[in-house]
N, C-alpha and C. Protein backbone atom coordinates (compact mmCIF):
# COMPACT_ATOMS: atom_id res chain seq x y z
N MET A 1 0.78 -1.11 0.06
CA MET A 1 -0.06 -0.04 -0.06
C MET A 1 0.87 1.13 0.01
N GLN A 2 0.78 2.04 -0.98
CA GLN A 2 1.71 3.18 -1.10
C GLN A 2 0.78 4.54 -1.37
N LEU A 3 1.46 5.56 -1.25
CA LEU A 3 0.83 6.76 -1.63
C LEU A 3 0.91 6.79 -3.15
N VAL A 4 -0.25 7.29 -3.68
CA VAL A 4 -0.38 7.31 -5.15
C VAL A 4 0.47 8.65 -5.63
N ALA A 5 0.65 8.76 -6.97
CA ALA A 5 1.45 9.78 -7.48
C ALA A 5 1.05 11.23 -7.07
N THR A 6 -0.21 11.40 -6.90
CA THR A 6 -0.67 12.76 -6.47
C THR A 6 -0.30 12.97 -4.98
N GLY A 7 0.19 12.12 -4.22
CA GLY A 7 0.51 12.24 -2.84
C GLY A 7 -0.64 11.84 -1.92
N LYS A 8 -1.53 11.33 -2.48
CA LYS A 8 -2.73 10.85 -1.70
C LYS A 8 -2.81 9.46 -1.40
N LEU A 9 -3.49 9.06 -0.42
CA LEU A 9 -3.65 7.63 -0.07
C LEU A 9 -4.87 7.22 -0.94
N ASP A 10 -4.69 5.91 -1.30
CA ASP A 10 -5.73 5.17 -2.19
C ASP A 10 -6.82 4.79 -1.14
N PHE A 11 -7.80 5.57 -0.98
CA PHE A 11 -8.96 5.37 -0.02
C PHE A 11 -9.57 3.91 -0.13
N ASN A 12 -9.86 3.53 -1.41
CA ASN A 12 -10.53 2.18 -1.56
C ASN A 12 -9.51 1.15 -1.10
N GLU A 13 -8.29 1.23 -1.38
CA GLU A 13 -7.31 0.18 -0.95
C GLU A 13 -7.44 0.19 0.60
N TRP A 14 -7.34 1.21 1.27
CA TRP A 14 -7.33 1.19 2.70
C TRP A 14 -8.60 0.79 3.31
N MET A 15 -9.79 1.13 2.66
CA MET A 15 -10.99 0.77 2.96
C MET A 15 -11.11 -0.86 2.95
N ASP A 16 -10.66 -1.37 1.80
CA ASP A 16 -10.75 -2.71 1.62
C ASP A 16 -9.88 -3.67 2.72
N LEU A 17 -8.65 -2.97 3.10
CA LEU A 17 -7.90 -3.52 4.08
C LEU A 17 -8.56 -3.53 5.49
N ALA A 18 -9.01 -2.40 5.81
CA ALA A 18 -9.87 -2.27 7.04
C ALA A 18 -10.99 -3.10 7.22
N THR A 19 -11.58 -3.41 6.11
CA THR A 19 -12.79 -4.30 6.16
C THR A 19 -12.32 -5.84 6.20
N SER A 20 -11.37 -6.19 5.45
CA SER A 20 -10.94 -7.58 5.28
C SER A 20 -9.96 -7.95 6.51
N ASP A 21 -9.13 -6.99 6.92
CA ASP A 21 -8.16 -7.44 7.91
C ASP A 21 -7.86 -6.15 8.88
N PRO A 22 -8.78 -5.93 9.88
CA PRO A 22 -8.58 -4.69 10.71
C PRO A 22 -7.28 -4.71 11.39
N GLU A 23 -6.71 -5.81 11.84
CA GLU A 23 -5.42 -5.82 12.55
C GLU A 23 -4.18 -5.35 11.63
N ALA A 24 -4.26 -5.91 10.25
CA ALA A 24 -3.26 -5.45 9.32
C ALA A 24 -3.44 -3.95 9.07
N PHE A 25 -4.78 -3.42 8.95
CA PHE A 25 -4.98 -2.09 8.69
C PHE A 25 -4.38 -1.34 9.76
N GLU A 26 -4.62 -1.70 11.10
CA GLU A 26 -4.07 -0.78 12.18
C GLU A 26 -2.55 -0.83 12.26
N LEU A 27 -1.95 -2.10 12.04
CA LEU A 27 -0.43 -2.07 11.86
C LEU A 27 -0.02 -1.15 10.64
N ARG A 28 -0.56 -1.29 9.51
CA ARG A 28 -0.17 -0.46 8.45
C ARG A 28 -0.34 1.09 8.75
N ARG A 29 -1.37 1.47 9.49
CA ARG A 29 -1.72 2.80 9.83
C ARG A 29 -0.66 3.40 10.63
N ARG A 30 -0.27 2.44 11.77
CA ARG A 30 0.71 2.82 12.68
C ARG A 30 2.10 3.10 11.94
N GLN A 31 2.38 2.24 10.97
CA GLN A 31 3.75 2.34 10.20
C GLN A 31 3.70 3.62 9.49
N MET A 32 2.63 3.99 8.82
CA MET A 32 2.52 5.20 7.98
C MET A 32 2.75 6.45 8.87
N VAL A 33 2.14 6.46 10.12
CA VAL A 33 2.16 7.57 10.96
C VAL A 33 3.65 7.68 11.48
N TYR A 34 4.22 6.51 11.78
CA TYR A 34 5.63 6.51 12.36
C TYR A 34 6.52 7.14 11.24
N ALA A 35 6.29 6.59 9.89
CA ALA A 35 7.16 7.04 8.85
C ALA A 35 6.97 8.59 8.54
N LEU A 36 5.79 9.15 8.78
CA LEU A 36 5.65 10.41 8.56
C LEU A 36 6.31 11.31 9.63
N ILE A 37 6.20 10.78 10.76
CA ILE A 37 7.02 11.55 12.05
C ILE A 37 8.45 11.57 11.81
N GLU A 38 8.93 10.33 11.46
CA GLU A 38 10.35 10.20 11.13
C GLU A 38 10.93 11.05 9.99
N GLY A 39 10.00 11.25 9.05
CA GLY A 39 10.38 12.08 7.89
C GLY A 39 10.27 13.55 8.09
N SER A 40 9.84 13.92 9.14
CA SER A 40 9.56 15.37 9.54
C SER A 40 10.95 15.91 10.09
N PRO A 41 11.10 17.29 10.02
CA PRO A 41 12.33 17.87 10.52
C PRO A 41 12.57 17.36 12.03
N HIS A 42 13.91 17.15 12.23
CA HIS A 42 14.27 16.66 13.52
C HIS A 42 13.76 17.40 14.77
N GLU A 43 13.67 18.80 14.62
CA GLU A 43 13.24 19.64 15.77
C GLU A 43 11.71 19.48 16.02
N ARG A 44 10.96 18.97 15.13
CA ARG A 44 9.65 18.81 15.32
C ARG A 44 9.23 17.34 15.81
N ARG A 45 9.96 16.38 15.65
CA ARG A 45 9.73 14.89 15.95
C ARG A 45 9.07 14.70 17.31
N HIS A 46 9.72 15.36 18.25
CA HIS A 46 9.43 15.04 19.59
C HIS A 46 7.99 15.51 19.78
N ARG A 47 7.59 16.65 19.46
CA ARG A 47 6.31 17.17 19.58
C ARG A 47 5.30 16.21 18.73
N LEU A 48 5.68 15.92 17.67
CA LEU A 48 4.76 15.07 16.80
C LEU A 48 4.55 13.70 17.50
N ARG A 49 5.58 13.17 18.08
CA ARG A 49 5.38 11.88 18.77
C ARG A 49 4.43 12.07 20.00
N CYS A 50 4.63 13.06 20.75
CA CYS A 50 3.77 13.43 21.95
C CYS A 50 2.37 13.60 21.30
N LEU A 51 2.14 14.30 20.35
CA LEU A 51 0.72 14.52 19.87
C LEU A 51 0.15 13.20 19.47
N GLN A 52 0.98 12.25 18.77
CA GLN A 52 0.41 11.05 18.30
C GLN A 52 0.09 10.18 19.48
N TRP A 53 0.89 10.13 20.60
CA TRP A 53 0.64 9.47 21.73
C TRP A 53 -0.67 9.88 22.37
N ARG A 54 -0.95 11.28 22.36
CA ARG A 54 -2.18 11.83 22.94
C ARG A 54 -3.37 11.39 22.00
N ILE A 55 -3.10 11.29 20.83
CA ILE A 55 -4.30 10.87 19.87
C ILE A 55 -4.55 9.30 20.06
N ASP A 56 -3.50 8.47 20.31
CA ASP A 56 -3.70 7.23 20.53
C ASP A 56 -4.48 6.96 21.89
N ARG A 57 -4.09 7.74 22.85
CA ARG A 57 -4.76 7.63 24.11
C ARG A 57 -6.38 7.82 24.02
N VAL A 58 -6.50 9.06 23.37
CA VAL A 58 -8.05 9.37 23.20
C VAL A 58 -8.85 8.24 22.42
N ARG A 59 -8.11 7.77 21.32
CA ARG A 59 -8.78 6.58 20.65
C ARG A 59 -9.04 5.50 21.69
N GLU A 60 -8.09 5.11 22.35
CA GLU A 60 -8.23 3.83 23.09
C GLU A 60 -9.15 4.11 24.21
N GLN A 61 -9.37 5.22 24.77
CA GLN A 61 -10.23 5.53 25.81
C GLN A 61 -11.74 5.75 25.46
N SER A 62 -11.83 5.90 24.11
CA SER A 62 -13.21 6.22 23.72
C SER A 62 -14.07 4.86 23.51
N SER A 63 -15.32 4.97 23.80
CA SER A 63 -16.21 3.92 23.78
C SER A 63 -16.47 3.33 22.38
N THR A 64 -16.40 4.20 21.46
CA THR A 64 -16.65 3.74 20.10
C THR A 64 -15.66 4.53 19.09
N PRO A 65 -15.44 4.08 17.96
CA PRO A 65 -14.61 4.85 17.08
C PRO A 65 -15.27 6.23 16.74
N LEU A 66 -16.60 6.36 16.71
CA LEU A 66 -17.16 7.68 16.48
C LEU A 66 -16.90 8.62 17.54
N ALA A 67 -17.08 8.06 18.80
CA ALA A 67 -16.81 8.84 19.93
C ALA A 67 -15.39 9.35 20.00
N GLY A 68 -14.44 8.43 19.68
CA GLY A 68 -13.02 8.95 19.53
C GLY A 68 -12.68 10.00 18.63
N CYS A 69 -13.51 9.88 17.38
CA CYS A 69 -13.31 10.76 16.24
C CYS A 69 -13.90 12.21 16.79
N LEU A 70 -15.07 12.15 17.45
CA LEU A 70 -15.56 13.42 18.00
C LEU A 70 -14.58 14.10 19.00
N SER A 71 -14.08 13.26 19.84
CA SER A 71 -13.08 13.90 20.87
C SER A 71 -11.87 14.39 20.07
N LEU A 72 -11.34 13.73 19.12
CA LEU A 72 -10.25 14.36 18.40
C LEU A 72 -10.73 15.65 17.55
N TYR A 73 -11.86 15.62 17.04
CA TYR A 73 -12.31 16.76 16.46
C TYR A 73 -12.47 18.05 17.50
N GLU A 74 -12.95 17.77 18.62
CA GLU A 74 -12.88 18.80 19.46
C GLU A 74 -11.48 19.32 20.04
N MET A 75 -10.71 18.21 20.10
CA MET A 75 -9.22 18.64 20.34
C MET A 75 -8.60 19.45 19.46
N MET A 76 -8.79 19.19 18.10
CA MET A 76 -8.44 19.90 17.14
C MET A 76 -8.80 21.43 17.07
N TRP A 77 -10.19 21.52 17.19
CA TRP A 77 -10.66 22.97 17.15
C TRP A 77 -10.21 23.62 18.49
N ASP A 78 -9.90 23.05 19.59
CA ASP A 78 -9.34 23.71 20.71
C ASP A 78 -7.95 24.20 20.45
N SER A 79 -7.13 23.44 19.65
CA SER A 79 -5.88 23.71 19.39
C SER A 79 -5.78 24.91 18.33
N LEU A 80 -6.94 25.16 17.69
CA LEU A 80 -7.06 26.19 16.58
C LEU A 80 -7.51 27.44 17.34
N LEU A 81 -8.59 27.30 18.02
CA LEU A 81 -9.43 28.55 18.52
C LEU A 81 -9.23 28.75 20.06
N GLY A 82 -8.81 27.77 20.69
CA GLY A 82 -8.69 27.88 21.99
C GLY A 82 -7.67 28.75 22.62
N GLU A 83 -7.50 29.06 23.88
CA GLU A 83 -6.50 29.92 24.49
C GLU A 83 -5.13 29.36 24.21
N GLY A 84 -4.34 30.21 23.63
CA GLY A 84 -2.85 29.90 23.22
C GLY A 84 -2.91 29.05 21.86
N GLY A 85 -4.01 29.02 21.16
CA GLY A 85 -4.19 28.21 19.90
C GLY A 85 -3.48 29.00 18.75
N LEU A 86 -3.68 28.34 17.63
CA LEU A 86 -3.03 28.84 16.43
C LEU A 86 -3.64 30.01 15.97
N ALA A 87 -4.84 30.23 16.07
CA ALA A 87 -5.44 31.63 15.62
C ALA A 87 -4.86 32.75 16.48
N GLU A 88 -4.81 32.50 17.83
CA GLU A 88 -4.33 33.65 18.72
C GLU A 88 -2.90 33.97 18.31
N ALA A 89 -2.12 32.83 17.95
CA ALA A 89 -0.72 33.02 17.63
C ALA A 89 -0.49 33.74 16.29
N LEU A 90 -1.34 33.48 15.37
CA LEU A 90 -1.44 34.19 14.02
C LEU A 90 -1.73 35.63 14.16
N ASN A 91 -2.72 35.84 15.03
CA ASN A 91 -3.23 37.27 15.28
C ASN A 91 -2.16 38.07 15.98
N GLN A 92 -1.46 37.50 16.85
CA GLN A 92 -0.43 38.15 17.66
C GLN A 92 0.86 38.47 16.67
N ALA A 93 1.09 37.54 15.96
CA ALA A 93 2.21 37.75 14.97
C ALA A 93 1.95 38.77 14.00
N ALA A 94 0.62 38.90 13.57
CA ALA A 94 0.23 39.91 12.61
C ALA A 94 -0.17 41.30 13.26
N GLY A 95 0.09 41.43 14.72
CA GLY A 95 -0.09 42.57 15.36
C GLY A 95 -1.65 42.90 15.53
N HIS A 96 -2.42 41.94 15.30
CA HIS A 96 -3.88 42.13 15.78
C HIS A 96 -4.24 41.74 17.14
N PRO A 97 -4.97 42.57 17.73
CA PRO A 97 -5.63 42.09 19.08
C PRO A 97 -6.17 40.69 19.00
N THR A 98 -6.11 40.02 20.01
CA THR A 98 -6.82 38.69 20.15
C THR A 98 -8.30 38.82 20.46
N ALA A 99 -9.17 38.15 19.89
CA ALA A 99 -10.42 38.04 20.26
C ALA A 99 -10.76 36.91 21.19
N GLN A 100 -11.57 37.17 22.23
CA GLN A 100 -11.96 36.06 23.15
C GLN A 100 -12.91 35.12 22.55
N THR A 101 -12.55 33.93 22.55
CA THR A 101 -13.46 32.86 21.99
C THR A 101 -14.48 32.56 23.04
N PRO A 102 -15.85 32.71 22.71
CA PRO A 102 -16.77 32.46 23.71
C PRO A 102 -16.77 30.94 24.25
N ARG A 103 -16.90 30.79 25.59
CA ARG A 103 -16.74 29.42 26.10
C ARG A 103 -17.97 28.80 26.54
N SER A 104 -19.10 29.75 26.56
CA SER A 104 -20.38 29.20 27.00
C SER A 104 -21.53 29.93 25.97
N ALA A 105 -22.71 29.43 26.16
CA ALA A 105 -23.69 29.94 25.33
C ALA A 105 -25.03 29.87 25.99
N ASP A 106 -26.00 30.80 25.75
CA ASP A 106 -27.26 30.69 26.23
C ASP A 106 -28.10 29.52 25.74
N ILE A 107 -28.75 28.83 26.53
CA ILE A 107 -29.53 27.77 26.10
C ILE A 107 -31.00 28.21 25.98
N VAL A 108 -31.45 28.12 24.82
CA VAL A 108 -32.97 28.64 24.66
C VAL A 108 -33.85 27.44 24.81
N GLN A 109 -34.90 27.49 25.73
CA GLN A 109 -35.90 26.58 25.89
C GLN A 109 -36.96 26.81 25.03
N PHE A 110 -37.37 25.68 24.46
CA PHE A 110 -38.57 25.69 23.49
C PHE A 110 -39.70 25.09 24.43
N PRO A 111 -40.95 25.52 24.04
CA PRO A 111 -42.07 24.87 24.77
C PRO A 111 -42.26 23.60 24.10
N PRO A 112 -42.80 22.61 25.00
CA PRO A 112 -42.87 21.22 24.50
C PRO A 112 -43.98 21.25 23.45
N PRO A 113 -43.99 20.43 22.34
CA PRO A 113 -44.95 20.28 21.39
C PRO A 113 -46.37 19.98 21.82
N THR A 114 -47.36 20.63 21.28
CA THR A 114 -48.74 20.26 21.63
C THR A 114 -49.40 19.33 20.79
N PRO A 115 -50.06 18.36 21.38
CA PRO A 115 -50.72 17.30 20.57
C PRO A 115 -51.69 17.92 19.54
N ASN A 116 -51.84 17.33 18.39
CA ASN A 116 -52.65 17.75 17.45
C ASN A 116 -54.14 17.36 17.76
N ASN A 117 -55.02 18.38 17.67
CA ASN A 117 -56.45 18.03 18.00
C ASN A 117 -57.17 17.51 16.93
């Protein structure tokens, strides 16, 4: 299983492997992630290994694959928009004041539906 010439993974090939042999799929996925980390600049490898460790723990602790995906999705948005996140760093680098990201919202109560007469 290789990257195709465009630099993208062959989705169908990976899907077939995941369906036919989930253990082989997981092994191959880990190998690809490790190769990507090892191919990155030396000064970034430690941080990437730590991030991958964190991702693996979230996946392990999640009750279902979908729950893990949602947790990782939330983690990604926090790293982008959360305190000390990428958006804040980019705004500071550009000399823009940082906007506070709202952390709560008002919950609107709707009346219960009435039965049809």
